[in-house]
Amino acid sequence: MPPDSATANNTLRKTQWTPERDAALHDLRNRGLSFTKIAAILGIGRNTVFDRARAAPQPTALPPAPQSPPRPIYPEFDPYRDPLPPGHVESWGAITSGTLLDSTPYIRVREPRACNIS
């Protein structure tokens, strides 16, 4: 049995995490080892390793990705742009604004299929 699992008198011991053990955990994880292999190397349970990897912040954590500025809801008017497809949010909203259909979604109707009767 691994040293940090149940002891002979059936009580559980709490794993003592040190900065060195945390560094080893993150180093092995960055190398691509599975939680099972890391647990075998460190001599503790796999779930203990998994829980610690989630809870302990990684010392060499990457900085957060830069946020792109929000896109405008309505792009600037371009007289040369292609026409909007039927049911587009902008065109449907402009058509139905102030009518009974205001704030109702566009319902796309399928074309009837031609029947070949012989």
PDB file of N, CA and C in Angstrom:
ATOM      1  N   MET A   1       0.835  -1.188   0.000  1.00  0.00           N
ATOM      2  CA  MET A   1       0.000   0.000   0.000  1.00  0.00           C
ATOM      3  C   MET A   1       0.873   1.243   0.000  1.00  0.00           C
ATOM      4  N   PRO A   2       0.407   2.297  -0.679  1.00  0.00           N
ATOM      5  CA  PRO A   2       1.157   3.558  -0.632  1.00  0.00           C
ATOM      6  C   PRO A   2       1.216   4.087   0.800  1.00  0.00           C
ATOM      7  N   PRO A   3       2.260   4.795   1.155  1.00  0.00           N
ATOM      8  CA  PRO A   3       2.435   5.239   2.524  1.00  0.00           C
ATOM      9  C   PRO A   3       1.346   6.171   3.033  1.00  0.00           C
ATOM     10  N   ASP A   4       0.665   6.934   2.164  1.00  0.00           N
ATOM     11  CA  ASP A   4      -0.323   7.883   2.645  1.00  0.00           C
ATOM     12  C   ASP A   4      -1.746   7.354   2.578  1.00  0.00           C
ATOM     13  N   SER A   5      -1.929   6.070   2.317  1.00  0.00           N
ATOM     14  CA  SER A   5      -3.286   5.518   2.297  1.00  0.00           C
ATOM     15  C   SER A   5      -3.613   5.003   3.684  1.00  0.00           C
ATOM     16  N   ALA A   6      -4.617   4.166   3.787  1.00  0.00           N
ATOM     17  CA  ALA A   6      -5.058   3.685   5.099  1.00  0.00           C
ATOM     18  C   ALA A   6      -3.913   2.993   5.827  1.00  0.00           C
ATOM     19  N   THR A   7      -3.791   3.289   7.108  1.00  0.00           N
ATOM     20  CA  THR A   7      -2.742   2.667   7.917  1.00  0.00           C
ATOM     21  C   THR A   7      -3.266   1.369   8.502  1.00  0.00           C
ATOM     22  N   ALA A   8      -2.430   0.691   9.283  1.00  0.00           N
ATOM     23  CA  ALA A   8      -2.779  -0.617   9.828  1.00  0.00           C
ATOM     24  C   ALA A   8      -4.008  -0.561  10.727  1.00  0.00           C
ATOM     25  N   ASN A   9      -4.203   0.518  11.466  1.00  0.00           N
ATOM     26  CA  ASN A   9      -5.367   0.584  12.344  1.00  0.00           C
ATOM     27  C   ASN A   9      -6.581   1.218  11.657  1.00  0.00           C
ATOM     28  N   ASN A  10      -6.573   1.255  10.334  1.00  0.00           N
ATOM     29  CA  ASN A  10      -7.701   1.685   9.506  1.00  0.00           C
ATOM     30  C   ASN A  10      -8.070   3.160   9.663  1.00  0.00           C
ATOM     31  N   THR A  11      -7.131   4.013   9.994  1.00  0.00           N
ATOM     32  CA  THR A  11      -7.387   5.453   9.994  1.00  0.00           C
ATOM     33  C   THR A  11      -6.628   6.074   8.833  1.00  0.00           C
ATOM     34  N   LEU A  12      -7.120   7.154   8.346  1.00  0.00           N
ATOM     35  CA  LEU A  12      -6.471   7.819   7.216  1.00  0.00           C
ATOM     36  C   LEU A  12      -5.545   8.906   7.720  1.00  0.00           C
ATOM     37  N   ARG A  13      -4.397   9.028   7.058  1.00  0.00           N
ATOM     38  CA  ARG A  13      -3.460  10.104   7.383  1.00  0.00           C
ATOM     39  C   ARG A  13      -3.583  11.179   6.332  1.00  0.00           C
ATOM     40  N   LYS A  14      -3.534  12.408   6.758  1.00  0.00           N
ATOM     41  CA  LYS A  14      -3.598  13.525   5.831  1.00  0.00           C
ATOM     42  C   LYS A  14      -2.225  13.724   5.184  1.00  0.00           C
ATOM     43  N   THR A  15      -2.219  13.891   3.867  1.00  0.00           N
ATOM     44  CA  THR A  15      -0.972  14.091   3.142  1.00  0.00           C
ATOM     45  C   THR A  15      -0.412  15.472   3.470  1.00  0.00           C
ATOM     46  N   GLN A  16       0.845  15.526   3.804  1.00  0.00           N
ATOM     47  CA  GLN A  16       1.504  16.800   4.085  1.00  0.00           C
ATOM     48  C   GLN A  16       2.105  17.328   2.780  1.00  0.00           C
ATOM     49  N   TRP A  17       1.626  18.473   2.338  1.00  0.00           N
ATOM     50  CA  TRP A  17       2.121  19.073   1.108  1.00  0.00           C
ATOM     51  C   TRP A  17       3.127  20.166   1.450  1.00  0.00           C
ATOM     52  N   THR A  18       4.283  20.045   0.840  1.00  0.00           N
ATOM     53  CA  THR A  18       5.337  21.041   1.005  1.00  0.00           C
ATOM     54  C   THR A  18       5.519  21.761  -0.326  1.00  0.00           C
ATOM     55  N   PRO A  19       6.164  22.907  -0.315  1.00  0.00           N
ATOM     56  CA  PRO A  19       6.422  23.589  -1.594  1.00  0.00           C
ATOM     57  C   PRO A  19       7.225  22.720  -2.564  1.00  0.00           C
ATOM     58  N   GLU A  20       8.145  21.898  -2.028  1.00  0.00           N
ATOM     59  CA  GLU A  20       8.939  21.022  -2.900  1.00  0.00           C
ATOM     60  C   GLU A  20       8.059  19.957  -3.543  1.00  0.00           C
ATOM     61  N   ARG A  21       7.115  19.416  -2.747  1.00  0.00           N
ATOM     62  CA  ARG A  21       6.226  18.391  -3.279  1.00  0.00           C
ATOM     63  C   ARG A  21       5.282  19.001  -4.318  1.00  0.00           C
ATOM     64  N   ASP A  22       4.802  20.222  -4.052  1.00  0.00           N
ATOM     65  CA  ASP A  22       3.967  20.912  -5.035  1.00  0.00           C
ATOM     66  C   ASP A  22       4.736  21.147  -6.338  1.00  0.00           C
ATOM     67  N   ALA A  23       5.987  21.580  -6.206  1.00  0.00           N
ATOM     68  CA  ALA A  23       6.812  21.828  -7.399  1.00  0.00           C
ATOM     69  C   ALA A  23       7.022  20.536  -8.182  1.00  0.00           C
ATOM     70  N   ALA A  24       7.266  19.435  -7.455  1.00  0.00           N
ATOM     71  CA  ALA A  24       7.451  18.141  -8.130  1.00  0.00           C
ATOM     72  C   ALA A  24       6.162  17.737  -8.848  1.00  0.00           C
ATOM     73  N   LEU A  25       5.026  17.928  -8.200  1.00  0.00           N
ATOM     74  CA  LEU A  25       3.740  17.597  -8.810  1.00  0.00           C
ATOM     75  C   LEU A  25       3.543  18.379 -10.099  1.00  0.00           C
ATOM     76  N   HIS A  26       3.755  19.686 -10.048  1.00  0.00           N
ATOM     77  CA  HIS A  26       3.540  20.509 -11.241  1.00  0.00           C
ATOM     78  C   HIS A  26       4.578  20.216 -12.321  1.00  0.00           C
ATOM     79  N   ASP A  27       5.809  19.925 -11.923  1.00  0.00           N
ATOM     80  CA  ASP A  27       6.839  19.592 -12.899  1.00  0.00           C
ATOM     81  C   ASP A  27       6.483  18.301 -13.629  1.00  0.00           C
ATOM     82  N   LEU A  28       6.072  17.284 -12.888  1.00  0.00           N
ATOM     83  CA  LEU A  28       5.707  16.011 -13.512  1.00  0.00           C
ATOM     84  C   LEU A  28       4.464  16.171 -14.386  1.00  0.00           C
ATOM     85  N   ARG A  29       3.536  16.988 -13.948  1.00  0.00           N
ATOM     86  CA  ARG A  29       2.327  17.209 -14.732  1.00  0.00           C
ATOM     87  C   ARG A  29       2.646  17.963 -16.020  1.00  0.00           C
ATOM     88  N   ASN A  30       3.564  18.940 -15.948  1.00  0.00           N
ATOM     89  CA  ASN A  30       3.961  19.678 -17.150  1.00  0.00           C
ATOM     90  C   ASN A  30       4.715  18.799 -18.133  1.00  0.00           C
ATOM     91  N   ARG A  31       5.336  17.749 -17.636  1.00  0.00           N
ATOM     92  CA  ARG A  31       6.014  16.792 -18.522  1.00  0.00           C
ATOM     93  C   ARG A  31       5.036  15.848 -19.205  1.00  0.00           C
ATOM     94  N   GLY A  32       3.779  15.887 -18.784  1.00  0.00           N
ATOM     95  CA  GLY A  32       2.757  15.075 -19.442  1.00  0.00           C
ATOM     96  C   GLY A  32       2.438  13.769 -18.745  1.00  0.00           C
ATOM     97  N   LEU A  33       2.938  13.548 -17.521  1.00  0.00           N
ATOM     98  CA  LEU A  33       2.645  12.315 -16.820  1.00  0.00           C
ATOM     99  C   LEU A  33       1.210  12.328 -16.320  1.00  0.00           C
ATOM    100  N   SER A  34       0.615  11.151 -16.264  1.00  0.00           N
ATOM    101  CA  SER A  34      -0.755  11.036 -15.769  1.00  0.00           C
ATOM    102  C   SER A  34      -0.767  11.145 -14.254  1.00  0.00           C
ATOM    103  N   PHE A  35      -1.956  11.380 -13.700  1.00  0.00           N
ATOM    104  CA  PHE A  35      -2.086  11.462 -12.247  1.00  0.00           C
ATOM    105  C   PHE A  35      -1.719  10.134 -11.589  1.00  0.00           C
ATOM    106  N   THR A  36      -2.008   9.021 -12.242  1.00  0.00           N
ATOM    107  CA  THR A  36      -1.670   7.711 -11.693  1.00  0.00           C
ATOM    108  C   THR A  36      -0.162   7.540 -11.585  1.00  0.00           C
ATOM    109  N   LYS A  37       0.581   7.936 -12.624  1.00  0.00           N
ATOM    110  CA  LYS A  37       2.040   7.810 -12.592  1.00  0.00           C
ATOM    111  C   LYS A  37       2.657   8.760 -11.566  1.00  0.00           C
ATOM    112  N   ILE A  38       2.117   9.970 -11.478  1.00  0.00           N
ATOM    113  CA  ILE A  38       2.626  10.926 -10.495  1.00  0.00           C
ATOM    114  C   ILE A  38       2.385  10.400  -9.087  1.00  0.00           C
ATOM    115  N   ALA A  39       1.210   9.798  -8.862  1.00  0.00           N
ATOM    116  CA  ALA A  39       0.897   9.242  -7.549  1.00  0.00           C
ATOM    117  C   ALA A  39       1.867   8.122  -7.192  1.00  0.00           C
ATOM    118  N   ALA A  40       2.212   7.294  -8.158  1.00  0.00           N
ATOM    119  CA  ALA A  40       3.158   6.206  -7.895  1.00  0.00           C
ATOM    120  C   ALA A  40       4.545   6.765  -7.572  1.00  0.00           C
ATOM    121  N   ILE A  41       4.957   7.816  -8.268  1.00  0.00           N
ATOM    122  CA  ILE A  41       6.274   8.409  -8.022  1.00  0.00           C
ATOM    123  C   ILE A  41       6.322   9.059  -6.638  1.00  0.00           C
ATOM    124  N   LEU A  42       5.247   9.795  -6.290  1.00  0.00           N
ATOM    125  CA  LEU A  42       5.224  10.487  -5.003  1.00  0.00           C
ATOM    126  C   LEU A  42       4.818   9.581  -3.844  1.00  0.00           C
ATOM    127  N   GLY A  43       4.298   8.390  -4.150  1.00  0.00           N
ATOM    128  CA  GLY A  43       3.910   7.437  -3.110  1.00  0.00           C
ATOM    129  C   GLY A  43       2.620   7.804  -2.404  1.00  0.00           C
ATOM    130  N   ILE A  44       1.686   8.407  -3.135  1.00  0.00           N
ATOM    131  CA  ILE A  44       0.396   8.784  -2.556  1.00  0.00           C
ATOM    132  C   ILE A  44      -0.710   8.354  -3.504  1.00  0.00           C
ATOM    133  N   GLY A  45      -1.961   8.529  -3.084  1.00  0.00           N
ATOM    134  CA  GLY A  45      -3.096   8.111  -3.900  1.00  0.00           C
ATOM    135  C   GLY A  45      -3.327   9.020  -5.095  1.00  0.00           C
ATOM    136  N   ARG A  46      -3.897   8.447  -6.137  1.00  0.00           N
ATOM    137  CA  ARG A  46      -4.160   9.185  -7.368  1.00  0.00           C
ATOM    138  C   ARG A  46      -5.141  10.326  -7.118  1.00  0.00           C
ATOM    139  N   ASN A  47      -6.189  10.089  -6.352  1.00  0.00           N
ATOM    140  CA  ASN A  47      -7.169  11.147  -6.083  1.00  0.00           C
ATOM    141  C   ASN A  47      -6.555  12.287  -5.280  1.00  0.00           C
ATOM    142  N   THR A  48      -5.609  11.965  -4.404  1.00  0.00           N
ATOM    143  CA  THR A  48      -4.918  12.995  -3.641  1.00  0.00           C
ATOM    144  C   THR A  48      -4.130  13.903  -4.584  1.00  0.00           C
ATOM    145  N   VAL A  49      -3.455  13.297  -5.541  1.00  0.00           N
ATOM    146  CA  VAL A  49      -2.680  14.062  -6.528  1.00  0.00           C
ATOM    147  C   VAL A  49      -3.625  14.913  -7.374  1.00  0.00           C
ATOM    148  N   PHE A  50      -4.723  14.327  -7.804  1.00  0.00           N
ATOM    149  CA  PHE A  50      -5.679  15.053  -8.638  1.00  0.00           C
ATOM    150  C   PHE A  50      -6.246  16.252  -7.891  1.00  0.00           C
ATOM    151  N   ASP A  51      -6.680  16.038  -6.652  1.00  0.00           N
ATOM    152  CA  ASP A  51      -7.245  17.131  -5.866  1.00  0.00           C
ATOM    153  C   ASP A  51      -6.224  18.241  -5.629  1.00  0.00           C
ATOM    154  N   ARG A  52      -4.967  17.865  -5.343  1.00  0.00           N
ATOM    155  CA  ARG A  52      -3.943  18.871  -5.083  1.00  0.00           C
ATOM    156  C   ARG A  52      -3.608  19.656  -6.351  1.00  0.00           C
ATOM    157  N   ALA A  53      -3.574  18.979  -7.477  1.00  0.00           N
ATOM    158  CA  ALA A  53      -3.272  19.661  -8.743  1.00  0.00           C
ATOM    159  C   ALA A  53      -4.349  20.693  -9.068  1.00  0.00           C
ATOM    160  N   ARG A  54      -5.587  20.393  -8.714  1.00  0.00           N
ATOM    161  CA  ARG A  54      -6.660  21.359  -8.953  1.00  0.00           C
ATOM    162  C   ARG A  54      -6.619  22.494  -7.950  1.00  0.00           C
ATOM    163  N   ALA A  55      -6.269  22.190  -6.693  1.00  0.00           N
ATOM    164  CA  ALA A  55      -6.350  23.188  -5.623  1.00  0.00           C
ATOM    165  C   ALA A  55      -5.130  24.100  -5.567  1.00  0.00           C
ATOM    166  N   ALA A  56      -3.944  23.546  -5.784  1.00  0.00           N
ATOM    167  CA  ALA A  56      -2.718  24.332  -5.636  1.00  0.00           C
ATOM    168  C   ALA A  56      -2.459  25.129  -6.906  1.00  0.00           C
ATOM    169  N   PRO A  57      -2.237  26.415  -6.785  1.00  0.00           N
ATOM    170  CA  PRO A  57      -1.934  27.195  -7.985  1.00  0.00           C
ATOM    171  C   PRO A  57      -0.574  26.800  -8.543  1.00  0.00           C
ATOM    172  N   GLN A  58      -0.492  26.746  -9.821  1.00  0.00           N
ATOM    173  CA  GLN A  58       0.762  26.376 -10.471  1.00  0.00           C
ATOM    174  C   GLN A  58       1.743  27.538 -10.350  1.00  0.00           C
ATOM    175  N   PRO A  59       2.967  27.265  -9.892  1.00  0.00           N
ATOM    176  CA  PRO A  59       3.907  28.368  -9.679  1.00  0.00           C
ATOM    177  C   PRO A  59       4.271  29.117 -10.956  1.00  0.00           C
ATOM    178  N   THR A  60       4.291  28.433 -12.068  1.00  0.00           N
ATOM    179  CA  THR A  60       4.636  29.082 -13.332  1.00  0.00           C
ATOM    180  C   THR A  60       3.383  29.212 -14.194  1.00  0.00           C
ATOM    181  N   ALA A  61       2.316  29.692 -13.599  1.00  0.00           N
ATOM    182  CA  ALA A  61       1.055  29.823 -14.338  1.00  0.00           C
ATOM    183  C   ALA A  61       1.207  30.849 -15.448  1.00  0.00           C
ATOM    184  N   LEU A  62       0.590  30.567 -16.561  1.00  0.00           N
ATOM    185  CA  LEU A  62       0.639  31.484 -17.696  1.00  0.00           C
ATOM    186  C   LEU A  62      -0.212  32.707 -17.384  1.00  0.00           C
ATOM    187  N   PRO A  63       0.170  33.866 -17.890  1.00  0.00           N
ATOM    188  CA  PRO A  63      -0.666  35.050 -17.683  1.00  0.00           C
ATOM    189  C   PRO A  63      -1.979  34.882 -18.444  1.00  0.00           C
ATOM    190  N   PRO A  64      -3.032  35.531 -17.999  1.00  0.00           N
ATOM    191  CA  PRO A  64      -4.300  35.395 -18.711  1.00  0.00           C
ATOM    192  C   PRO A  64      -4.193  35.935 -20.133  1.00  0.00           C
ATOM    193  N   ALA A  65      -4.938  35.311 -21.009  1.00  0.00           N
ATOM    194  CA  ALA A  65      -4.924  35.721 -22.412  1.00  0.00           C
ATOM    195  C   ALA A  65      -5.487  37.129 -22.534  1.00  0.00           C
ATOM    196  N   PRO A  66      -4.912  37.957 -23.399  1.00  0.00           N
ATOM    197  CA  PRO A  66      -5.426  39.316 -23.555  1.00  0.00           C
ATOM    198  C   PRO A  66      -6.844  39.284 -24.124  1.00  0.00           C
ATOM    199  N   GLN A  67      -7.672  40.158 -23.609  1.00  0.00           N
ATOM    200  CA  GLN A  67      -9.054  40.233 -24.069  1.00  0.00           C
ATOM    201  C   GLN A  67      -9.134  41.155 -25.272  1.00  0.00           C
ATOM    202  N   SER A  68      -9.840  40.703 -26.291  1.00  0.00           N
ATOM    203  CA  SER A  68     -10.032  41.563 -27.450  1.00  0.00           C
ATOM    204  C   SER A  68     -11.170  42.533 -27.131  1.00  0.00           C
ATOM    205  N   PRO A  69     -11.133  43.725 -27.701  1.00  0.00           N
ATOM    206  CA  PRO A  69     -12.203  44.685 -27.422  1.00  0.00           C
ATOM    207  C   PRO A  69     -13.533  44.145 -27.954  1.00  0.00           C
ATOM    208  N   PRO A  70     -14.630  44.460 -27.288  1.00  0.00           N
ATOM    209  CA  PRO A  70     -15.921  43.943 -27.755  1.00  0.00           C
ATOM    210  C   PRO A  70     -16.266  44.498 -29.126  1.00  0.00           C
ATOM    211  N   ARG A  71     -16.858  43.641 -29.917  1.00  0.00           N
ATOM    212  CA  ARG A  71     -17.269  44.061 -31.256  1.00  0.00           C
ATOM    213  C   ARG A  71     -18.523  44.907 -31.157  1.00  0.00           C
ATOM    214  N   PRO A  72     -18.663  45.906 -31.997  1.00  0.00           N
ATOM    215  CA  PRO A  72     -19.901  46.695 -31.966  1.00  0.00           C
ATOM    216  C   PRO A  72     -21.073  45.831 -32.420  1.00  0.00           C
ATOM    217  N   ILE A  73     -22.238  46.104 -31.849  1.00  0.00           N
ATOM    218  CA  ILE A  73     -23.416  45.318 -32.199  1.00  0.00           C
ATOM    219  C   ILE A  73     -23.778  45.541 -33.667  1.00  0.00           C
ATOM    220  N   TYR A  74     -23.767  46.805 -34.080  1.00  0.00           N
ATOM    221  CA  TYR A  74     -24.063  47.119 -35.465  1.00  0.00           C
ATOM    222  C   TYR A  74     -22.798  47.654 -36.114  1.00  0.00           C
ATOM    223  N   PRO A  75     -22.296  46.971 -37.136  1.00  0.00           N
ATOM    224  CA  PRO A  75     -21.093  47.489 -37.798  1.00  0.00           C
ATOM    225  C   PRO A  75     -21.397  48.812 -38.497  1.00  0.00           C
ATOM    226  N   GLU A  76     -20.355  49.532 -38.774  1.00  0.00           N
ATOM    227  CA  GLU A  76     -20.539  50.807 -39.475  1.00  0.00           C
ATOM    228  C   GLU A  76     -21.216  50.552 -40.813  1.00  0.00           C
ATOM    229  N   PHE A  77     -21.992  51.524 -41.233  1.00  0.00           N
ATOM    230  CA  PHE A  77     -22.717  51.385 -42.490  1.00  0.00           C
ATOM    231  C   PHE A  77     -21.748  51.296 -43.657  1.00  0.00           C
ATOM    232  N   ASP A  78     -21.906  50.282 -44.465  1.00  0.00           N
ATOM    233  CA  ASP A  78     -21.082  50.098 -45.652  1.00  0.00           C
ATOM    234  C   ASP A  78     -22.032  49.921 -46.834  1.00  0.00           C
ATOM    235  N   PRO A  79     -22.141  50.903 -47.711  1.00  0.00           N
ATOM    236  CA  PRO A  79     -23.104  50.795 -48.817  1.00  0.00           C
ATOM    237  C   PRO A  79     -22.755  49.687 -49.815  1.00  0.00           C
ATOM    238  N   TYR A  80     -21.534  49.155 -49.754  1.00  0.00           N
ATOM    239  CA  TYR A  80     -21.117  48.143 -50.722  1.00  0.00           C
ATOM    240  C   TYR A  80     -21.158  46.729 -50.155  1.00  0.00           C
ATOM    241  N   ARG A  81     -21.689  46.568 -48.943  1.00  0.00           N
ATOM    242  CA  ARG A  81     -21.716  45.227 -48.353  1.00  0.00           C
ATOM    243  C   ARG A  81     -22.780  44.384 -49.031  1.00  0.00           C
ATOM    244  N   ASP A  82     -22.656  43.079 -48.906  1.00  0.00           N
ATOM    245  CA  ASP A  82     -23.651  42.161 -49.461  1.00  0.00           C
ATOM    246  C   ASP A  82     -24.952  42.308 -48.687  1.00  0.00           C
ATOM    247  N   PRO A  83     -26.085  42.004 -49.317  1.00  0.00           N
ATOM    248  CA  PRO A  83     -27.350  42.093 -48.594  1.00  0.00           C
ATOM    249  C   PRO A  83     -27.419  41.043 -47.488  1.00  0.00           C
ATOM    250  N   LEU A  84     -28.173  41.358 -46.446  1.00  0.00           N
ATOM    251  CA  LEU A  84     -28.325  40.423 -45.338  1.00  0.00           C
ATOM    252  C   LEU A  84     -29.238  39.276 -45.757  1.00  0.00           C
ATOM    253  N   PRO A  85     -29.000  38.078 -45.246  1.00  0.00           N
ATOM    254  CA  PRO A  85     -29.858  36.949 -45.602  1.00  0.00           C
ATOM    255  C   PRO A  85     -31.248  37.116 -44.980  1.00  0.00           C
ATOM    256  N   PRO A  86     -32.260  36.448 -45.535  1.00  0.00           N
ATOM    257  CA  PRO A  86     -33.607  36.541 -44.957  1.00  0.00           C
ATOM    258  C   PRO A  86     -33.590  36.084 -43.500  1.00  0.00           C
ATOM    259  N   GLY A  87     -34.272  36.824 -42.649  1.00  0.00           N
ATOM    260  CA  GLY A  87     -34.342  36.455 -41.247  1.00  0.00           C
ATOM    261  C   GLY A  87     -33.182  36.907 -40.404  1.00  0.00           C
ATOM    262  N   HIS A  88     -32.252  37.667 -40.962  1.00  0.00           N
ATOM    263  CA  HIS A  88     -31.118  38.156 -40.179  1.00  0.00           C
ATOM    264  C   HIS A  88     -31.640  39.049 -39.062  1.00  0.00           C
ATOM    265  N   VAL A  89     -30.963  39.042 -37.923  1.00  0.00           N
ATOM    266  CA  VAL A  89     -31.421  39.779 -36.748  1.00  0.00           C
ATOM    267  C   VAL A  89     -31.647  41.251 -37.070  1.00  0.00           C
ATOM    268  N   GLU A  90     -30.728  41.857 -37.781  1.00  0.00           N
ATOM    269  CA  GLU A  90     -30.860  43.284 -38.075  1.00  0.00           C
ATOM    270  C   GLU A  90     -32.049  43.567 -38.985  1.00  0.00           C
ATOM    271  N   SER A  91     -32.167  42.799 -40.087  1.00  0.00           N
ATOM    272  CA  SER A  91     -33.250  43.093 -41.032  1.00  0.00           C
ATOM    273  C   SER A  91     -34.604  42.701 -40.451  1.00  0.00           C
ATOM    274  N   TRP A  92     -34.700  41.579 -39.770  1.00  0.00           N
ATOM    275  CA  TRP A  92     -35.972  41.145 -39.193  1.00  0.00           C
ATOM    276  C   TRP A  92     -36.424  42.122 -38.107  1.00  0.00           C
ATOM    277  N   GLY A  93     -35.492  42.609 -37.302  1.00  0.00           N
ATOM    278  CA  GLY A  93     -35.841  43.568 -36.268  1.00  0.00           C
ATOM    279  C   GLY A  93     -36.334  44.878 -36.861  1.00  0.00           C
ATOM    280  N   ALA A  94     -35.738  45.316 -37.954  1.00  0.00           N
ATOM    281  CA  ALA A  94     -36.155  46.562 -38.593  1.00  0.00           C
ATOM    282  C   ALA A  94     -37.541  46.410 -39.217  1.00  0.00           C
ATOM    283  N   ILE A  95     -37.840  45.243 -39.757  1.00  0.00           N
ATOM    284  CA  ILE A  95     -39.135  45.019 -40.412  1.00  0.00           C
ATOM    285  C   ILE A  95     -40.251  44.927 -39.381  1.00  0.00           C
ATOM    286  N   THR A  96     -39.998  44.239 -38.268  1.00  0.00           N
ATOM    287  CA  THR A  96     -41.064  43.964 -37.296  1.00  0.00           C
ATOM    288  C   THR A  96     -41.167  44.995 -36.187  1.00  0.00           C
ATOM    289  N   SER A  97     -40.261  45.935 -36.109  1.00  0.00           N
ATOM    290  CA  SER A  97     -40.277  46.925 -35.036  1.00  0.00           C
ATOM    291  C   SER A  97     -41.575  47.736 -35.059  1.00  0.00           C
ATOM    292  N   GLY A  98     -42.256  47.821 -33.909  1.00  0.00           N
ATOM    293  CA  GLY A  98     -43.487  48.589 -33.800  1.00  0.00           C
ATOM    294  C   GLY A  98     -44.714  47.860 -34.290  1.00  0.00           C
ATOM    295  N   THR A  99     -44.601  46.571 -34.609  1.00  0.00           N
ATOM    296  CA  THR A  99     -45.754  45.794 -35.062  1.00  0.00           C
ATOM    297  C   THR A  99     -46.068  44.710 -34.040  1.00  0.00           C
ATOM    298  N   LEU A 100     -47.090  43.913 -34.321  1.00  0.00           N
ATOM    299  CA  LEU A 100     -47.415  42.794 -33.436  1.00  0.00           C
ATOM    300  C   LEU A 100     -46.306  41.753 -33.393  1.00  0.00           C
ATOM    301  N   LEU A 101     -45.491  41.726 -34.410  1.00  0.00           N
ATOM    302  CA  LEU A 101     -44.401  40.746 -34.472  1.00  0.00           C
ATOM    303  C   LEU A 101     -43.129  41.225 -33.783  1.00  0.00           C
ATOM    304  N   ASP A 102     -43.175  42.412 -33.166  1.00  0.00           N
ATOM    305  CA  ASP A 102     -42.002  42.959 -32.489  1.00  0.00           C
ATOM    306  C   ASP A 102     -41.488  41.955 -31.451  1.00  0.00           C
ATOM    307  N   SER A 103     -40.207  41.710 -31.442  1.00  0.00           N
ATOM    308  CA  SER A 103     -39.492  40.798 -30.539  1.00  0.00           C
ATOM    309  C   SER A 103     -39.876  39.331 -30.713  1.00  0.00           C
ATOM    310  N   THR A 104     -40.437  38.967 -31.856  1.00  0.00           N
ATOM    311  CA  THR A 104     -40.659  37.545 -32.136  1.00  0.00           C
ATOM    312  C   THR A 104     -39.563  37.066 -33.066  1.00  0.00           C
ATOM    313  N   PRO A 105     -39.089  35.829 -32.877  1.00  0.00           N
ATOM    314  CA  PRO A 105     -38.012  35.336 -33.741  1.00  0.00           C
ATOM    315  C   PRO A 105     -38.514  35.047 -35.151  1.00  0.00           C
ATOM    316  N   TYR A 106     -37.610  35.111 -36.073  1.00  0.00           N
ATOM    317  CA  TYR A 106     -37.921  34.792 -37.463  1.00  0.00           C
ATOM    318  C   TYR A 106     -38.107  33.277 -37.582  1.00  0.00           C
ATOM    319  N   ILE A 107     -39.177  32.864 -38.235  1.00  0.00           N
ATOM    320  CA  ILE A 107     -39.444  31.438 -38.426  1.00  0.00           C
ATOM    321  C   ILE A 107     -39.206  31.136 -39.897  1.00  0.00           C
ATOM    322  N   ARG A 108     -38.264  30.277 -40.133  1.00  0.00           N
ATOM    323  CA  ARG A 108     -37.917  29.914 -41.505  1.00  0.00           C
ATOM    324  C   ARG A 108     -38.883  28.841 -41.990  1.00  0.00           C
ATOM    325  N   VAL A 109     -39.534  29.077 -43.107  1.00  0.00           N
ATOM    326  CA  VAL A 109     -40.487  28.135 -43.681  1.00  0.00           C
ATOM    327  C   VAL A 109     -39.816  27.429 -44.842  1.00  0.00           C
ATOM    328  N   ARG A 110     -39.944  26.101 -44.840  1.00  0.00           N
ATOM    329  CA  ARG A 110     -39.344  25.332 -45.936  1.00  0.00           C
ATOM    330  C   ARG A 110     -40.228  25.400 -47.179  1.00  0.00           C
ATOM    331  N   GLU A 111     -39.573  25.350 -48.305  1.00  0.00           N
ATOM    332  CA  GLU A 111     -40.291  25.311 -49.579  1.00  0.00           C
ATOM    333  C   GLU A 111     -40.982  23.954 -49.709  1.00  0.00           C
ATOM    334  N   PRO A 112     -42.214  23.930 -50.244  1.00  0.00           N
ATOM    335  CA  PRO A 112     -42.876  22.631 -50.440  1.00  0.00           C
ATOM    336  C   PRO A 112     -42.136  21.841 -51.519  1.00  0.00           C
ATOM    337  N   ARG A 113     -42.078  20.545 -51.284  1.00  0.00           N
ATOM    338  CA  ARG A 113     -41.396  19.690 -52.268  1.00  0.00           C
ATOM    339  C   ARG A 113     -42.359  19.366 -53.421  1.00  0.00           C
ATOM    340  N   ALA A 114     -41.769  19.266 -54.591  1.00  0.00           N
ATOM    341  CA  ALA A 114     -42.556  18.911 -55.763  1.00  0.00           C
ATOM    342  C   ALA A 114     -42.848  17.418 -55.732  1.00  0.00           C
ATOM    343  N   CYS A 115     -44.076  17.065 -56.005  1.00  0.00           N
ATOM    344  CA  CYS A 115     -44.463  15.654 -56.014  1.00  0.00           C
ATOM    345  C   CYS A 115     -44.543  15.173 -57.467  1.00  0.00           C
ATOM    346  N   ASN A 116     -43.930  14.075 -57.713  1.00  0.00           N
ATOM    347  CA  ASN A 116     -43.991  13.448 -59.046  1.00  0.00           C
ATOM    348  C   ASN A 116     -45.095  12.407 -59.020  1.00  0.00           C
ATOM    349  N   ILE A 117     -46.217  12.740 -59.605  1.00  0.00           N
ATOM    350  CA  ILE A 117     -47.332  11.786 -59.660  1.00  0.00           C
ATOM    351  C   ILE A 117     -47.366  11.228 -61.074  1.00  0.00           C
ATOM    352  N   SER A 118     -47.263   9.919 -61.150  1.00  0.00           N
ATOM    353  CA  SER A 118     -47.296   9.339 -62.478  1.00  0.00           C
ATOM    354  C   SER A 118     -48.514   8.482 -62.653  1.00  0.00           C
TER     355      SER A 118
END
